[in-house]
Amino acid sequence: MRDDHLVVPSDLESIYDAVAAEDKEMFWIEHTNARWDGYTWFQRHPERILQFFDARMTSR
């Protein structure tokens, strides 16, 4: 979450940059500072993560 009180966005961007995988995406959960919203966002909105996995797990 971009508005998290415990982790600043630049720290998360540094972690993202350090991940060696070339095929990766960063997604910011916006307009909330409630940590629980971050934990449950993909449960309530699974489309994005399902599209990510579908694009990568489809046999070619």
PDB file of N, CA and C in Angstrom:
ATOM      1  N   MET A   1       0.844  -1.165   0.000  1.00  0.00           N
ATOM      2  CA  MET A   1       0.000   0.000   0.000  1.00  0.00           C
ATOM      3  C   MET A   1       0.893   1.232   0.000  1.00  0.00           C
ATOM      4  N   ARG A   2       0.551   2.147  -0.841  1.00  0.00           N
ATOM      5  CA  ARG A   2       1.364   3.353  -0.949  1.00  0.00           C
ATOM      6  C   ARG A   2       1.283   4.207   0.322  1.00  0.00           C
ATOM      7  N   ASP A   3       0.148   4.171   1.030  1.00  0.00           N
ATOM      8  CA  ASP A   3      -0.030   5.004   2.224  1.00  0.00           C
ATOM      9  C   ASP A   3       0.219   4.253   3.524  1.00  0.00           C
ATOM     10  N   ASP A   4       0.956   3.166   3.469  1.00  0.00           N
ATOM     11  CA  ASP A   4       1.268   2.372   4.663  1.00  0.00           C
ATOM     12  C   ASP A   4       2.075   3.219   5.639  1.00  0.00           C
ATOM     13  N   HIS A   5       1.727   3.119   6.917  1.00  0.00           N
ATOM     14  CA  HIS A   5       2.430   3.904   7.938  1.00  0.00           C
ATOM     15  C   HIS A   5       3.771   3.291   8.350  1.00  0.00           C
ATOM     16  N   LEU A   6       3.961   2.021   8.052  1.00  0.00           N
ATOM     17  CA  LEU A   6       5.167   1.338   8.509  1.00  0.00           C
ATOM     18  C   LEU A   6       6.241   1.181   7.437  1.00  0.00           C
ATOM     19  N   VAL A   7       5.848   1.221   6.175  1.00  0.00           N
ATOM     20  CA  VAL A   7       6.801   0.997   5.093  1.00  0.00           C
ATOM     21  C   VAL A   7       6.668   2.144   4.095  1.00  0.00           C
ATOM     22  N   VAL A   8       7.774   2.771   3.775  1.00  0.00           N
ATOM     23  CA  VAL A   8       7.725   3.874   2.821  1.00  0.00           C
ATOM     24  C   VAL A   8       7.835   3.322   1.391  1.00  0.00           C
ATOM     25  N   PRO A   9       7.175   3.957   0.432  1.00  0.00           N
ATOM     26  CA  PRO A   9       7.182   3.456  -0.941  1.00  0.00           C
ATOM     27  C   PRO A   9       8.577   3.232  -1.515  1.00  0.00           C
ATOM     28  N   SER A  10       9.528   4.078  -1.192  1.00  0.00           N
ATOM     29  CA  SER A  10      10.870   3.903  -1.756  1.00  0.00           C
ATOM     30  C   SER A  10      11.518   2.598  -1.284  1.00  0.00           C
ATOM     31  N   ASP A  11      11.205   2.150  -0.069  1.00  0.00           N
ATOM     32  CA  ASP A  11      11.725   0.862   0.402  1.00  0.00           C
ATOM     33  C   ASP A  11      11.146  -0.290  -0.422  1.00  0.00           C
ATOM     34  N   LEU A  12       9.851  -0.226  -0.688  1.00  0.00           N
ATOM     35  CA  LEU A  12       9.221  -1.281  -1.497  1.00  0.00           C
ATOM     36  C   LEU A  12       9.743  -1.264  -2.920  1.00  0.00           C
ATOM     37  N   GLU A  13       9.982  -0.081  -3.459  1.00  0.00           N
ATOM     38  CA  GLU A  13      10.534   0.013  -4.811  1.00  0.00           C
ATOM     39  C   GLU A  13      11.946  -0.565  -4.856  1.00  0.00           C
ATOM     40  N   SER A  14      12.727  -0.366  -3.805  1.00  0.00           N
ATOM     41  CA  SER A  14      14.070  -0.943  -3.741  1.00  0.00           C
ATOM     42  C   SER A  14      14.015  -2.462  -3.699  1.00  0.00           C
ATOM     43  N   ILE A  15      13.081  -3.001  -2.932  1.00  0.00           N
ATOM     44  CA  ILE A  15      12.918  -4.456  -2.865  1.00  0.00           C
ATOM     45  C   ILE A  15      12.506  -4.990  -4.233  1.00  0.00           C
ATOM     46  N   TYR A  16      11.554  -4.332  -4.870  1.00  0.00           N
ATOM     47  CA  TYR A  16      11.100  -4.732  -6.200  1.00  0.00           C
ATOM     48  C   TYR A  16      12.264  -4.730  -7.182  1.00  0.00           C
ATOM     49  N   ASP A  17      13.051  -3.679  -7.180  1.00  0.00           N
ATOM     50  CA  ASP A  17      14.191  -3.579  -8.089  1.00  0.00           C
ATOM     51  C   ASP A  17      15.221  -4.672  -7.839  1.00  0.00           C
ATOM     52  N   ALA A  18      15.339  -5.123  -6.593  1.00  0.00           N
ATOM     53  CA  ALA A  18      16.330  -6.136  -6.243  1.00  0.00           C
ATOM     54  C   ALA A  18      15.900  -7.549  -6.633  1.00  0.00           C
ATOM     55  N   VAL A  19      14.616  -7.756  -6.902  1.00  0.00           N
ATOM     56  CA  VAL A  19      14.146  -9.071  -7.331  1.00  0.00           C
ATOM     57  C   VAL A  19      14.706  -9.339  -8.721  1.00  0.00           C
ATOM     58  N   ALA A  20      15.372 -10.459  -8.881  1.00  0.00           N
ATOM     59  CA  ALA A  20      16.095 -10.744 -10.119  1.00  0.00           C
ATOM     60  C   ALA A  20      15.187 -11.065 -11.305  1.00  0.00           C
ATOM     61  N   ALA A  21      13.960 -11.463 -11.050  1.00  0.00           N
ATOM     62  CA  ALA A  21      13.058 -11.833 -12.146  1.00  0.00           C
ATOM     63  C   ALA A  21      12.821 -10.645 -13.068  1.00  0.00           C
ATOM     64  N   GLU A  22      12.833 -10.931 -14.364  1.00  0.00           N
ATOM     65  CA  GLU A  22      12.541  -9.871 -15.324  1.00  0.00           C
ATOM     66  C   GLU A  22      11.038  -9.723 -15.532  1.00  0.00           C
ATOM     67  N   ASP A  23      10.305 -10.805 -15.387  1.00  0.00           N
ATOM     68  CA  ASP A  23       8.862 -10.799 -15.584  1.00  0.00           C
ATOM     69  C   ASP A  23       8.201 -10.572 -14.229  1.00  0.00           C
ATOM     70  N   LYS A  24       7.970  -9.329 -13.894  1.00  0.00           N
ATOM     71  CA  LYS A  24       7.390  -8.991 -12.602  1.00  0.00           C
ATOM     72  C   LYS A  24       6.559  -7.728 -12.760  1.00  0.00           C
ATOM     73  N   GLU A  25       5.661  -7.519 -11.825  1.00  0.00           N
ATOM     74  CA  GLU A  25       4.828  -6.330 -11.815  1.00  0.00           C
ATOM     75  C   GLU A  25       4.696  -5.833 -10.390  1.00  0.00           C
ATOM     76  N   MET A  26       4.643  -4.517 -10.240  1.00  0.00           N
ATOM     77  CA  MET A  26       4.360  -3.922  -8.939  1.00  0.00           C
ATOM     78  C   MET A  26       2.982  -3.292  -9.025  1.00  0.00           C
ATOM     79  N   PHE A  27       2.201  -3.496  -8.011  1.00  0.00           N
ATOM     80  CA  PHE A  27       0.854  -2.953  -7.973  1.00  0.00           C
ATOM     81  C   PHE A  27       0.658  -2.225  -6.655  1.00  0.00           C
ATOM     82  N   TRP A  28       0.275  -0.978  -6.718  1.00  0.00           N
ATOM     83  CA  TRP A  28       0.029  -0.185  -5.513  1.00  0.00           C
ATOM     84  C   TRP A  28      -1.458  -0.218  -5.172  1.00  0.00           C
ATOM     85  N   ILE A  29      -1.759  -0.509  -3.938  1.00  0.00           N
ATOM     86  CA  ILE A  29      -3.124  -0.394  -3.440  1.00  0.00           C
ATOM     87  C   ILE A  29      -3.252   1.026  -2.924  1.00  0.00           C
ATOM     88  N   GLU A  30      -4.161   1.767  -3.513  1.00  0.00           N
ATOM     89  CA  GLU A  30      -4.278   3.204  -3.262  1.00  0.00           C
ATOM     90  C   GLU A  30      -5.461   3.543  -2.351  1.00  0.00           C
ATOM     91  N   HIS A  31      -5.428   4.737  -1.817  1.00  0.00           N
ATOM     92  CA  HIS A  31      -6.547   5.368  -1.103  1.00  0.00           C
ATOM     93  C   HIS A  31      -6.927   4.673   0.189  1.00  0.00           C
ATOM     94  N   THR A  32      -5.976   4.070   0.845  1.00  0.00           N
ATOM     95  CA  THR A  32      -6.223   3.494   2.162  1.00  0.00           C
ATOM     96  C   THR A  32      -4.893   3.416   2.911  1.00  0.00           C
ATOM     97  N   ASN A  33      -4.962   3.535   4.205  1.00  0.00           N
ATOM     98  CA  ASN A  33      -3.776   3.289   5.026  1.00  0.00           C
ATOM     99  C   ASN A  33      -4.052   2.161   6.024  1.00  0.00           C
ATOM    100  N   ALA A  34      -5.173   1.470   5.831  1.00  0.00           N
ATOM    101  CA  ALA A  34      -5.530   0.333   6.682  1.00  0.00           C
ATOM    102  C   ALA A  34      -4.814  -0.907   6.157  1.00  0.00           C
ATOM    103  N   ARG A  35      -3.903  -1.429   6.928  1.00  0.00           N
ATOM    104  CA  ARG A  35      -3.096  -2.568   6.502  1.00  0.00           C
ATOM    105  C   ARG A  35      -3.966  -3.752   6.095  1.00  0.00           C
ATOM    106  N   TRP A  36      -5.067  -3.978   6.783  1.00  0.00           N
ATOM    107  CA  TRP A  36      -5.935  -5.104   6.455  1.00  0.00           C
ATOM    108  C   TRP A  36      -6.444  -5.001   5.021  1.00  0.00           C
ATOM    109  N   ASP A  37      -6.671  -3.781   4.523  1.00  0.00           N
ATOM    110  CA  ASP A  37      -7.109  -3.607   3.138  1.00  0.00           C
ATOM    111  C   ASP A  37      -6.074  -4.184   2.174  1.00  0.00           C
ATOM    112  N   GLY A  38      -4.815  -4.039   2.500  1.00  0.00           N
ATOM    113  CA  GLY A  38      -3.760  -4.615   1.672  1.00  0.00           C
ATOM    114  C   GLY A  38      -3.750  -6.137   1.722  1.00  0.00           C
ATOM    115  N   TYR A  39      -4.001  -6.689   2.889  1.00  0.00           N
ATOM    116  CA  TYR A  39      -4.005  -8.146   3.029  1.00  0.00           C
ATOM    117  C   TYR A  39      -5.164  -8.790   2.291  1.00  0.00           C
ATOM    118  N   THR A  40      -6.282  -8.095   2.180  1.00  0.00           N
ATOM    119  CA  THR A  40      -7.490  -8.696   1.604  1.00  0.00           C
ATOM    120  C   THR A  40      -7.822  -8.187   0.208  1.00  0.00           C
ATOM    121  N   TRP A  41      -7.015  -7.290  -0.340  1.00  0.00           N
ATOM    122  CA  TRP A  41      -7.347  -6.680  -1.623  1.00  0.00           C
ATOM    123  C   TRP A  41      -7.507  -7.720  -2.727  1.00  0.00           C
ATOM    124  N   PHE A  42      -6.574  -8.635  -2.857  1.00  0.00           N
ATOM    125  CA  PHE A  42      -6.651  -9.633  -3.929  1.00  0.00           C
ATOM    126  C   PHE A  42      -7.770 -10.645  -3.704  1.00  0.00           C
ATOM    127  N   GLN A  43      -8.198 -10.847  -2.477  1.00  0.00           N
ATOM    128  CA  GLN A  43      -9.355 -11.705  -2.232  1.00  0.00           C
ATOM    129  C   GLN A  43     -10.620 -11.049  -2.776  1.00  0.00           C
ATOM    130  N   ARG A  44     -10.716  -9.750  -2.628  1.00  0.00           N
ATOM    131  CA  ARG A  44     -11.899  -9.023  -3.101  1.00  0.00           C
ATOM    132  C   ARG A  44     -11.814  -8.681  -4.580  1.00  0.00           C
ATOM    133  N   HIS A  45     -10.595  -8.591  -5.114  1.00  0.00           N
ATOM    134  CA  HIS A  45     -10.376  -8.202  -6.513  1.00  0.00           C
ATOM    135  C   HIS A  45      -9.348  -9.143  -7.145  1.00  0.00           C
ATOM    136  N   PRO A  46      -9.721 -10.387  -7.413  1.00  0.00           N
ATOM    137  CA  PRO A  46      -8.731 -11.367  -7.875  1.00  0.00           C
ATOM    138  C   PRO A  46      -8.352 -11.237  -9.353  1.00  0.00           C
ATOM    139  N   GLU A  47      -9.034 -10.394 -10.113  1.00  0.00           N
ATOM    140  CA  GLU A  47      -8.834 -10.349 -11.557  1.00  0.00           C
ATOM    141  C   GLU A  47      -7.380 -10.106 -11.946  1.00  0.00           C
ATOM    142  N   ARG A  48      -6.742  -9.150 -11.331  1.00  0.00           N
ATOM    143  CA  ARG A  48      -5.375  -8.778 -11.717  1.00  0.00           C
ATOM    144  C   ARG A  48      -4.384  -9.922 -11.502  1.00  0.00           C
ATOM    145  N   ILE A  49      -4.435 -10.554 -10.354  1.00  0.00           N
ATOM    146  CA  ILE A  49      -3.486 -11.638 -10.077  1.00  0.00           C
ATOM    147  C   ILE A  49      -3.810 -12.863 -10.927  1.00  0.00           C
ATOM    148  N   LEU A  50      -5.101 -13.113 -11.183  1.00  0.00           N
ATOM    149  CA  LEU A  50      -5.463 -14.243 -12.032  1.00  0.00           C
ATOM    150  C   LEU A  50      -4.994 -14.028 -13.466  1.00  0.00           C
ATOM    151  N   GLN A  51      -5.096 -12.810 -13.977  1.00  0.00           N
ATOM    152  CA  GLN A  51      -4.597 -12.499 -15.317  1.00  0.00           C
ATOM    153  C   GLN A  51      -3.082 -12.672 -15.382  1.00  0.00           C
ATOM    154  N   PHE A  52      -2.385 -12.241 -14.333  1.00  0.00           N
ATOM    155  CA  PHE A  52      -0.930 -12.377 -14.269  1.00  0.00           C
ATOM    156  C   PHE A  52      -0.541 -13.849 -14.368  1.00  0.00           C
ATOM    157  N   PHE A  53      -1.164 -14.694 -13.545  1.00  0.00           N
ATOM    158  CA  PHE A  53      -0.833 -16.118 -13.565  1.00  0.00           C
ATOM    159  C   PHE A  53      -1.293 -16.789 -14.854  1.00  0.00           C
ATOM    160  N   ASP A  54      -2.465 -16.432 -15.344  1.00  0.00           N
ATOM    161  CA  ASP A  54      -2.964 -17.037 -16.573  1.00  0.00           C
ATOM    162  C   ASP A  54      -2.029 -16.778 -17.738  1.00  0.00           C
ATOM    163  N   ALA A  55      -1.499 -15.575 -17.824  1.00  0.00           N
ATOM    164  CA  ALA A  55      -0.600 -15.224 -18.913  1.00  0.00           C
ATOM    165  C   ALA A  55       0.716 -16.004 -18.833  1.00  0.00           C
ATOM    166  N   ARG A  56       1.083 -16.437 -17.663  1.00  0.00           N
ATOM    167  CA  ARG A  56       2.371 -17.090 -17.475  1.00  0.00           C
ATOM    168  C   ARG A  56       2.275 -18.606 -17.338  1.00  0.00           C
ATOM    169  N   MET A  57       1.089 -19.122 -17.075  1.00  0.00           N
ATOM    170  CA  MET A  57       0.946 -20.553 -16.829  1.00  0.00           C
ATOM    171  C   MET A  57       0.266 -21.274 -17.990  1.00  0.00           C
ATOM    172  N   THR A  58      -0.165 -20.549 -18.988  1.00  0.00           N
ATOM    173  CA  THR A  58      -0.801 -21.172 -20.140  1.00  0.00           C
ATOM    174  C   THR A  58       0.249 -21.926 -20.935  1.00  0.00           C
ATOM    175  N   SER A  59      -0.057 -23.191 -21.290  1.00  0.00           N
ATOM    176  CA  SER A  59       0.938 -23.939 -22.078  1.00  0.00           C
ATOM    177  C   SER A  59       1.082 -23.332 -23.460  1.00  0.00           C
ATOM    178  N   ARG A  60       2.292 -23.373 -23.914  1.00  0.00           N
ATOM    179  CA  ARG A  60       2.610 -22.790 -25.235  1.00  0.00           C
ATOM    180  C   ARG A  60       3.073 -23.852 -26.152  1.00  0.00           C
TER     181      ARG A  60
END
